[in-house]
PDB file of all heavy atoms in Angstrom:
ATOM      1  N   GLU A   1     -89.380 -18.579 -36.362  1.00  0.00           N
ATOM      2  CA  GLU A   1     -89.085 -18.076 -35.019  1.00  0.00           C
ATOM      3  C   GLU A   1     -89.962 -18.741 -33.957  1.00  0.00           C
ATOM      4  O   GLU A   1     -89.520 -18.967 -32.832  1.00  0.00           O
ATOM      5  CB  GLU A   1     -89.283 -16.563 -34.976  1.00  0.00           C
ATOM      6  CG  GLU A   1     -88.262 -15.780 -35.793  1.00  0.00           C
ATOM      7  CD  GLU A   1     -88.562 -14.298 -35.823  1.00  0.00           C
ATOM      8  OE1 GLU A   1     -89.544 -13.867 -35.163  1.00  0.00           O
ATOM      9  OE2 GLU A   1     -87.824 -13.552 -36.510  1.00  0.00           O
ATOM     10  N   GLU A   2     -91.211 -19.044 -34.324  1.00  0.00           N
ATOM     11  CA  GLU A   2     -92.150 -19.659 -33.382  1.00  0.00           C
ATOM     12  C   GLU A   2     -92.065 -21.189 -33.385  1.00  0.00           C
ATOM     13  O   GLU A   2     -92.761 -21.844 -32.607  1.00  0.00           O
ATOM     14  CB  GLU A   2     -93.579 -19.236 -33.731  1.00  0.00           C
ATOM     15  CG  GLU A   2     -93.844 -17.743 -33.581  1.00  0.00           C
ATOM     16  CD  GLU A   2     -93.854 -17.295 -32.134  1.00  0.00           C
ATOM     17  OE1 GLU A   2     -94.245 -18.101 -31.264  1.00  0.00           O
ATOM     18  OE2 GLU A   2     -93.465 -16.133 -31.864  1.00  0.00           O
ATOM     19  N   GLY A   3     -91.249 -21.758 -34.269  1.00  0.00           N
ATOM     20  CA  GLY A   3     -91.121 -23.205 -34.335  1.00  0.00           C
ATOM     21  C   GLY A   3     -92.368 -23.906 -34.841  1.00  0.00           C
ATOM     22  O   GLY A   3     -92.675 -25.028 -34.418  1.00  0.00           O
ATOM     23  N   LEU A   4     -93.079 -23.267 -35.778  1.00  0.00           N
ATOM     24  CA  LEU A   4     -94.348 -23.807 -36.257  1.00  0.00           C
ATOM     25  C   LEU A   4     -94.273 -24.404 -37.660  1.00  0.00           C
ATOM     26  O   LEU A   4     -95.312 -24.722 -38.243  1.00  0.00           O
ATOM     27  CB  LEU A   4     -95.417 -22.708 -36.236  1.00  0.00           C
ATOM     28  CG  LEU A   4     -95.827 -22.191 -34.855  1.00  0.00           C
ATOM     29  CD1 LEU A   4     -96.754 -20.987 -34.989  1.00  0.00           C
ATOM     30  CD2 LEU A   4     -96.506 -23.294 -34.048  1.00  0.00           C
ATOM     31  N   GLN A   5     -93.065 -24.572 -38.205  1.00  0.00           N
ATOM     32  CA  GLN A   5     -92.969 -25.085 -39.570  1.00  0.00           C
ATOM     33  C   GLN A   5     -93.601 -26.463 -39.701  1.00  0.00           C
ATOM     34  O   GLN A   5     -94.168 -26.806 -40.742  1.00  0.00           O
ATOM     35  CB  GLN A   5     -91.508 -25.172 -40.029  1.00  0.00           C
ATOM     36  CG  GLN A   5     -90.686 -23.917 -39.837  1.00  0.00           C
ATOM     37  CD  GLN A   5     -89.870 -23.973 -38.559  1.00  0.00           C
ATOM     38  OE1 GLN A   5     -90.400 -24.176 -37.474  1.00  0.00           O
ATOM     39  NE2 GLN A   5     -88.556 -23.797 -38.713  1.00  0.00           N
ATOM     40  N   ASP A   6     -93.514 -27.285 -38.641  1.00  0.00           N
ATOM     41  CA  ASP A   6     -94.028 -28.646 -38.717  1.00  0.00           C
ATOM     42  C   ASP A   6     -95.549 -28.710 -38.754  1.00  0.00           C
ATOM     43  O   ASP A   6     -96.111 -29.796 -38.972  1.00  0.00           O
ATOM     44  CB  ASP A   6     -93.519 -29.472 -37.532  1.00  0.00           C
ATOM     45  CG  ASP A   6     -92.014 -29.748 -37.611  1.00  0.00           C
ATOM     46  OD1 ASP A   6     -91.442 -29.558 -38.710  1.00  0.00           O
ATOM     47  OD2 ASP A   6     -91.424 -30.144 -36.588  1.00  0.00           O
ATOM     48  N   LYS A   7     -96.217 -27.574 -38.552  1.00  0.00           N
ATOM     49  CA  LYS A   7     -97.676 -27.561 -38.671  1.00  0.00           C
ATOM     50  C   LYS A   7     -98.100 -27.493 -40.145  1.00  0.00           C
ATOM     51  O   LYS A   7     -99.290 -27.542 -40.452  1.00  0.00           O
ATOM     52  CB  LYS A   7     -98.272 -26.382 -37.903  1.00  0.00           C
ATOM     53  CG  LYS A   7     -98.058 -26.424 -36.412  1.00  0.00           C
ATOM     54  CD  LYS A   7     -98.642 -27.686 -35.753  1.00  0.00           C
ATOM     55  CE  LYS A   7    -100.160 -27.721 -35.754  1.00  0.00           C
ATOM     56  NZ  LYS A   7    -100.773 -26.841 -34.738  1.00  0.00           N
ATOM     57  N   ASN A   8     -97.133 -27.375 -41.043  1.00  0.00           N
ATOM     58  CA  ASN A   8     -97.361 -27.473 -42.490  1.00  0.00           C
ATOM     59  C   ASN A   8     -98.480 -26.554 -43.016  1.00  0.00           C
ATOM     60  O   ASN A   8     -99.399 -27.014 -43.709  1.00  0.00           O
ATOM     61  CB  ASN A   8     -97.680 -28.925 -42.878  1.00  0.00           C
ATOM     62  CG  ASN A   8     -96.532 -29.862 -42.553  1.00  0.00           C
ATOM     63  OD1 ASN A   8     -95.384 -29.573 -42.862  1.00  0.00           O
ATOM     64  ND2 ASN A   8     -96.846 -30.986 -41.913  1.00  0.00           N
ATOM     65  N   PRO A   9     -98.396 -25.267 -42.726  1.00  0.00           N
ATOM     66  CA  PRO A   9     -99.392 -24.355 -43.298  1.00  0.00           C
ATOM     67  C   PRO A   9     -99.166 -24.186 -44.800  1.00  0.00           C
ATOM     68  O   PRO A   9     -98.049 -24.329 -45.296  1.00  0.00           O
ATOM     69  CB  PRO A   9     -99.127 -23.042 -42.554  1.00  0.00           C
ATOM     70  CG  PRO A   9     -97.667 -23.096 -42.219  1.00  0.00           C
ATOM     71  CD  PRO A   9     -97.386 -24.552 -41.912  1.00  0.00           C
ATOM     72  N   HIS A  10    -100.228 -23.875 -45.510  1.00  0.00           N
ATOM     73  CA  HIS A  10    -100.161 -23.642 -46.950  1.00  0.00           C
ATOM     74  C   HIS A  10    -100.269 -22.133 -47.184  1.00  0.00           C
ATOM     75  O   HIS A  10    -101.312 -21.537 -46.900  1.00  0.00           O
ATOM     76  CB  HIS A  10    -101.304 -24.360 -47.667  1.00  0.00           C
ATOM     77  CG  HIS A  10    -101.383 -25.831 -47.361  1.00  0.00           C
ATOM     78  ND1 HIS A  10    -100.740 -26.785 -48.119  1.00  0.00           N
ATOM     79  CD2 HIS A  10    -102.023 -26.499 -46.373  1.00  0.00           C
ATOM     80  CE1 HIS A  10    -100.985 -27.985 -47.621  1.00  0.00           C
ATOM     81  NE2 HIS A  10    -101.760 -27.840 -46.556  1.00  0.00           N
ATOM     82  N   LEU A  11     -99.211 -21.533 -47.705  1.00  0.00           N
ATOM     83  CA  LEU A  11     -99.176 -20.089 -47.920  1.00  0.00           C
ATOM     84  C   LEU A  11     -99.025 -19.823 -49.413  1.00  0.00           C
ATOM     85  O   LEU A  11     -98.066 -20.292 -50.033  1.00  0.00           O
ATOM     86  CB  LEU A  11     -98.031 -19.455 -47.137  1.00  0.00           C
ATOM     87  CG  LEU A  11     -98.025 -19.730 -45.623  1.00  0.00           C
ATOM     88  CD1 LEU A  11     -96.797 -19.091 -44.975  1.00  0.00           C
ATOM     89  CD2 LEU A  11     -99.301 -19.235 -44.976  1.00  0.00           C
ATOM     90  N   THR A  12     -99.955 -19.049 -49.975  1.00  0.00           N
ATOM     91  CA  THR A  12    -100.035 -18.903 -51.427  1.00  0.00           C
ATOM     92  C   THR A  12    -100.177 -17.443 -51.823  1.00  0.00           C
ATOM     93  O   THR A  12    -101.049 -16.735 -51.296  1.00  0.00           O
ATOM     94  CB  THR A  12    -101.243 -19.685 -51.977  1.00  0.00           C
ATOM     95  OG1 THR A  12    -101.145 -21.055 -51.570  1.00  0.00           O
ATOM     96  CG2 THR A  12    -101.293 -19.605 -53.495  1.00  0.00           C
ATOM     97  N   VAL A  13     -99.342 -16.998 -52.762  1.00  0.00           N
ATOM     98  CA  VAL A  13     -99.496 -15.670 -53.356  1.00  0.00           C
ATOM     99  C   VAL A  13    -100.595 -15.752 -54.413  1.00  0.00           C
ATOM    100  O   VAL A  13    -100.615 -16.676 -55.236  1.00  0.00           O
ATOM    101  CB  VAL A  13     -98.178 -15.185 -53.990  1.00  0.00           C
ATOM    102  CG1 VAL A  13     -98.383 -13.860 -54.723  1.00  0.00           C
ATOM    103  CG2 VAL A  13     -97.101 -15.022 -52.916  1.00  0.00           C
ATOM    104  N   VAL A  14    -101.523 -14.794 -54.381  1.00  0.00           N
ATOM    105  CA  VAL A  14    -102.653 -14.802 -55.316  1.00  0.00           C
ATOM    106  C   VAL A  14    -102.716 -13.474 -56.071  1.00  0.00           C
ATOM    107  O   VAL A  14    -102.090 -12.489 -55.693  1.00  0.00           O
ATOM    108  CB  VAL A  14    -103.988 -15.043 -54.570  1.00  0.00           C
ATOM    109  CG1 VAL A  14    -104.007 -16.424 -53.939  1.00  0.00           C
ATOM    110  CG2 VAL A  14    -104.228 -13.956 -53.512  1.00  0.00           C
ATOM    111  N   ASP A  15    -103.520 -13.468 -57.134  1.00  0.00           N
ATOM    112  CA  ASP A  15    -103.695 -12.265 -57.952  1.00  0.00           C
ATOM    113  C   ASP A  15    -104.931 -11.467 -57.567  1.00  0.00           C
ATOM    114  O   ASP A  15    -105.057 -10.304 -57.928  1.00  0.00           O
ATOM    115  CB  ASP A  15    -103.784 -12.635 -59.431  1.00  0.00           C
ATOM    116  CG  ASP A  15    -102.439 -13.064 -59.998  1.00  0.00           C
ATOM    117  OD1 ASP A  15    -101.421 -12.562 -59.498  1.00  0.00           O
ATOM    118  OD2 ASP A  15    -102.420 -13.895 -60.919  1.00  0.00           O
ATOM    119  N   GLY A  16    -105.870 -12.089 -56.875  1.00  0.00           N
ATOM    120  CA  GLY A  16    -107.108 -11.402 -56.545  1.00  0.00           C
ATOM    121  C   GLY A  16    -108.033 -12.326 -55.789  1.00  0.00           C
ATOM    122  O   GLY A  16    -107.601 -13.068 -54.906  1.00  0.00           O
ATOM    123  N   PHE A  17    -109.310 -12.339 -56.167  1.00  0.00           N
ATOM    124  CA  PHE A  17    -110.308 -13.101 -55.425  1.00  0.00           C
ATOM    125  C   PHE A  17    -111.005 -14.147 -56.291  1.00  0.00           C
ATOM    126  O   PHE A  17    -112.144 -14.517 -56.024  1.00  0.00           O
ATOM    127  CB  PHE A  17    -111.342 -12.142 -54.819  1.00  0.00           C
ATOM    128  CG  PHE A  17    -110.754 -11.206 -53.808  1.00  0.00           C
ATOM    129  CD1 PHE A  17    -110.311  -9.953 -54.189  1.00  0.00           C
ATOM    130  CD2 PHE A  17    -110.624 -11.584 -52.487  1.00  0.00           C
ATOM    131  CE1 PHE A  17    -109.756  -9.082 -53.261  1.00  0.00           C
ATOM    132  CE2 PHE A  17    -110.066 -10.733 -51.550  1.00  0.00           C
ATOM    133  CZ  PHE A  17    -109.629  -9.472 -51.943  1.00  0.00           C
ATOM    134  N   SER A  18    -110.294 -14.658 -57.281  1.00  0.00           N
ATOM    135  CA  SER A  18    -110.863 -15.745 -58.080  1.00  0.00           C
ATOM    136  C   SER A  18    -110.671 -17.094 -57.389  1.00  0.00           C
ATOM    137  O   SER A  18    -111.397 -18.046 -57.671  1.00  0.00           O
ATOM    138  CB  SER A  18    -110.195 -15.789 -59.460  1.00  0.00           C
ATOM    139  OG  SER A  18    -108.843 -16.227 -59.348  1.00  0.00           O
ATOM    140  N   PHE A  19    -109.668 -17.170 -56.495  1.00  0.00           N
ATOM    141  CA  PHE A  19    -109.321 -18.396 -55.755  1.00  0.00           C
ATOM    142  C   PHE A  19    -108.846 -19.520 -56.675  1.00  0.00           C
ATOM    143  O   PHE A  19    -108.799 -20.681 -56.273  1.00  0.00           O
ATOM    144  CB  PHE A  19    -110.501 -18.885 -54.895  1.00  0.00           C
ATOM    145  CG  PHE A  19    -111.037 -17.836 -53.969  1.00  0.00           C
ATOM    146  CD1 PHE A  19    -112.358 -17.426 -54.057  1.00  0.00           C
ATOM    147  CD2 PHE A  19    -110.227 -17.251 -53.018  1.00  0.00           C
ATOM    148  CE1 PHE A  19    -112.857 -16.444 -53.210  1.00  0.00           C
ATOM    149  CE2 PHE A  19    -110.719 -16.267 -52.163  1.00  0.00           C
ATOM    150  CZ  PHE A  19    -112.034 -15.867 -52.260  1.00  0.00           C
ATOM    151  N   LYS A  20    -108.459 -19.161 -57.894  1.00  0.00           N
ATOM    152  CA  LYS A  20    -108.002 -20.173 -58.844  1.00  0.00           C
ATOM    153  C   LYS A  20    -106.730 -20.853 -58.366  1.00  0.00           C
ATOM    154  O   LYS A  20    -106.471 -22.012 -58.703  1.00  0.00           O
ATOM    155  CB  LYS A  20    -107.776 -19.542 -60.215  1.00  0.00           C
ATOM    156  CG  LYS A  20    -106.693 -18.467 -60.229  1.00  0.00           C
ATOM    157  CD  LYS A  20    -106.563 -17.795 -61.575  1.00  0.00           C
ATOM    158  CE  LYS A  20    -105.477 -16.713 -61.555  1.00  0.00           C
ATOM    159  NZ  LYS A  20    -105.345 -16.030 -62.861  1.00  0.00           N
ATOM    160  N   GLU A  21    -105.928 -20.159 -57.568  1.00  0.00           N
ATOM    161  CA  GLU A  21    -104.653 -20.728 -57.113  1.00  0.00           C
ATOM    162  C   GLU A  21    -104.846 -21.852 -56.096  1.00  0.00           C
ATOM    163  O   GLU A  21    -103.904 -22.588 -55.786  1.00  0.00           O
ATOM    164  CB  GLU A  21    -103.781 -19.636 -56.485  1.00  0.00           C
ATOM    165  CG  GLU A  21    -103.368 -18.528 -57.441  1.00  0.00           C
ATOM    166  CD  GLU A  21    -104.370 -17.393 -57.503  1.00  0.00           C
ATOM    167  OE1 GLU A  21    -105.474 -17.521 -56.905  1.00  0.00           O
ATOM    168  OE2 GLU A  21    -104.067 -16.367 -58.142  1.00  0.00           O
ATOM    169  N   LEU A  22    -106.056 -22.014 -55.571  1.00  0.00           N
ATOM    170  CA  LEU A  22    -106.300 -23.026 -54.535  1.00  0.00           C
ATOM    171  C   LEU A  22    -106.712 -24.373 -55.122  1.00  0.00           C
ATOM    172  O   LEU A  22    -106.905 -25.340 -54.372  1.00  0.00           O
ATOM    173  CB  LEU A  22    -107.366 -22.525 -53.562  1.00  0.00           C
ATOM    174  CG  LEU A  22    -106.969 -21.250 -52.812  1.00  0.00           C
ATOM    175  CD1 LEU A  22    -108.096 -20.803 -51.892  1.00  0.00           C
ATOM    176  CD2 LEU A  22    -105.681 -21.447 -52.021  1.00  0.00           C
ATOM    177  N   HIS A  23    -106.867 -24.438 -56.439  1.00  0.00           N
ATOM    178  CA  HIS A  23    -107.066 -25.711 -57.151  1.00  0.00           C
ATOM    179  C   HIS A  23    -108.215 -26.544 -56.576  1.00  0.00           C
ATOM    180  O   HIS A  23    -108.074 -27.742 -56.329  1.00  0.00           O
ATOM    181  CB  HIS A  23    -105.773 -26.534 -57.127  1.00  0.00           C
ATOM    182  CG  HIS A  23    -104.581 -25.793 -57.645  1.00  0.00           C
ATOM    183  ND1 HIS A  23    -104.464 -25.379 -58.944  1.00  0.00           N
ATOM    184  CD2 HIS A  23    -103.458 -25.348 -57.006  1.00  0.00           C
ATOM    185  CE1 HIS A  23    -103.309 -24.733 -59.111  1.00  0.00           C
ATOM    186  NE2 HIS A  23    -102.690 -24.688 -57.950  1.00  0.00           N
ATOM    187  N   GLY A  24    -109.345 -25.899 -56.332  1.00  0.00           N
ATOM    188  CA  GLY A  24    -110.536 -26.636 -55.927  1.00  0.00           C
ATOM    189  C   GLY A  24    -110.618 -26.987 -54.452  1.00  0.00           C
ATOM    190  O   GLY A  24    -111.558 -27.697 -54.048  1.00  0.00           O
ATOM    191  N   GLN A  25    -109.682 -26.548 -53.631  1.00  0.00           N
ATOM    192  CA  GLN A  25    -109.751 -26.808 -52.195  1.00  0.00           C
ATOM    193  C   GLN A  25    -110.974 -26.109 -51.600  1.00  0.00           C
ATOM    194  O   GLN A  25    -111.331 -25.003 -52.001  1.00  0.00           O
ATOM    195  CB  GLN A  25    -108.493 -26.294 -51.496  1.00  0.00           C
ATOM    196  CG  GLN A  25    -107.203 -26.956 -51.914  1.00  0.00           C
ATOM    197  CD  GLN A  25    -107.081 -28.376 -51.382  1.00  0.00           C
ATOM    198  OE1 GLN A  25    -107.671 -28.724 -50.353  1.00  0.00           O
ATOM    199  NE2 GLN A  25    -106.303 -29.204 -52.057  1.00  0.00           N
ATOM    200  N   GLN A  26    -111.617 -26.764 -50.614  1.00  0.00           N
ATOM    201  CA  GLN A  26    -112.740 -26.160 -49.917  1.00  0.00           C
ATOM    202  C   GLN A  26    -112.522 -26.224 -48.418  1.00  0.00           C
ATOM    203  O   GLN A  26    -111.804 -27.107 -47.914  1.00  0.00           O
ATOM    204  CB  GLN A  26    -114.056 -26.838 -50.307  1.00  0.00           C
ATOM    205  CG  GLN A  26    -114.464 -26.562 -51.754  1.00  0.00           C
ATOM    206  CD  GLN A  26    -115.912 -26.869 -52.009  1.00  0.00           C
ATOM    207  OE1 GLN A  26    -116.437 -27.888 -51.567  1.00  0.00           O
ATOM    208  NE2 GLN A  26    -116.579 -25.983 -52.737  1.00  0.00           N
ATOM    209  N   PHE A  27    -113.167 -25.294 -47.699  1.00  0.00           N
ATOM    210  CA  PHE A  27    -112.836 -25.075 -46.297  1.00  0.00           C
ATOM    211  C   PHE A  27    -114.094 -24.935 -45.442  1.00  0.00           C
ATOM    212  O   PHE A  27    -115.125 -24.419 -45.883  1.00  0.00           O
ATOM    213  CB  PHE A  27    -111.982 -23.808 -46.163  1.00  0.00           C
ATOM    214  CG  PHE A  27    -110.734 -23.864 -46.993  1.00  0.00           C
ATOM    215  CD1 PHE A  27    -110.736 -23.411 -48.307  1.00  0.00           C
ATOM    216  CD2 PHE A  27    -109.563 -24.409 -46.481  1.00  0.00           C
ATOM    217  CE1 PHE A  27    -109.589 -23.483 -49.087  1.00  0.00           C
ATOM    218  CE2 PHE A  27    -108.419 -24.492 -47.261  1.00  0.00           C
ATOM    219  CZ  PHE A  27    -108.434 -24.024 -48.565  1.00  0.00           C
ATOM    220  N   ASP A  28    -113.967 -25.387 -44.183  1.00  0.00           N
ATOM    221  CA  ASP A  28    -115.061 -25.258 -43.221  1.00  0.00           C
ATOM    222  C   ASP A  28    -115.247 -23.809 -42.786  1.00  0.00           C
ATOM    223  O   ASP A  28    -116.368 -23.341 -42.595  1.00  0.00           O
ATOM    224  CB  ASP A  28    -114.775 -26.113 -41.976  1.00  0.00           C
ATOM    225  CG  ASP A  28    -114.492 -27.555 -42.315  1.00  0.00           C
ATOM    226  OD1 ASP A  28    -115.371 -28.185 -42.940  1.00  0.00           O
ATOM    227  OD2 ASP A  28    -113.394 -28.048 -41.989  1.00  0.00           O
ATOM    228  N   PHE A  29    -114.130 -23.119 -42.605  1.00  0.00           N
ATOM    229  CA  PHE A  29    -114.141 -21.716 -42.225  1.00  0.00           C
ATOM    230  C   PHE A  29    -113.297 -20.926 -43.229  1.00  0.00           C
ATOM    231  O   PHE A  29    -112.194 -21.341 -43.583  1.00  0.00           O
ATOM    232  CB  PHE A  29    -113.530 -21.516 -40.826  1.00  0.00           C
ATOM    233  CG  PHE A  29    -114.446 -21.862 -39.688  1.00  0.00           C
ATOM    234  CD1 PHE A  29    -114.723 -23.185 -39.367  1.00  0.00           C
ATOM    235  CD2 PHE A  29    -115.041 -20.859 -38.932  1.00  0.00           C
ATOM    236  CE1 PHE A  29    -115.564 -23.506 -38.319  1.00  0.00           C
ATOM    237  CE2 PHE A  29    -115.884 -21.171 -37.882  1.00  0.00           C
ATOM    238  CZ  PHE A  29    -116.151 -22.499 -37.571  1.00  0.00           C
ATOM    239  N   VAL A  30    -113.832 -19.802 -43.660  1.00  0.00           N
ATOM    240  CA  VAL A  30    -113.085 -18.861 -44.490  1.00  0.00           C
ATOM    241  C   VAL A  30    -113.178 -17.507 -43.809  1.00  0.00           C
ATOM    242  O   VAL A  30    -114.266 -17.096 -43.377  1.00  0.00           O
ATOM    243  CB  VAL A  30    -113.669 -18.769 -45.916  1.00  0.00           C
ATOM    244  CG1 VAL A  30    -112.880 -17.758 -46.752  1.00  0.00           C
ATOM    245  CG2 VAL A  30    -113.650 -20.143 -46.594  1.00  0.00           C
TER     246      VAL A  30
END
């Protein structure tokens, strides 16, 4: 609706707080 698909966000369903679904990605801000 906002026309933001081209910003390519990564949206992931997770099971908890192990962060295993992120496959080693690291971030400046969490």
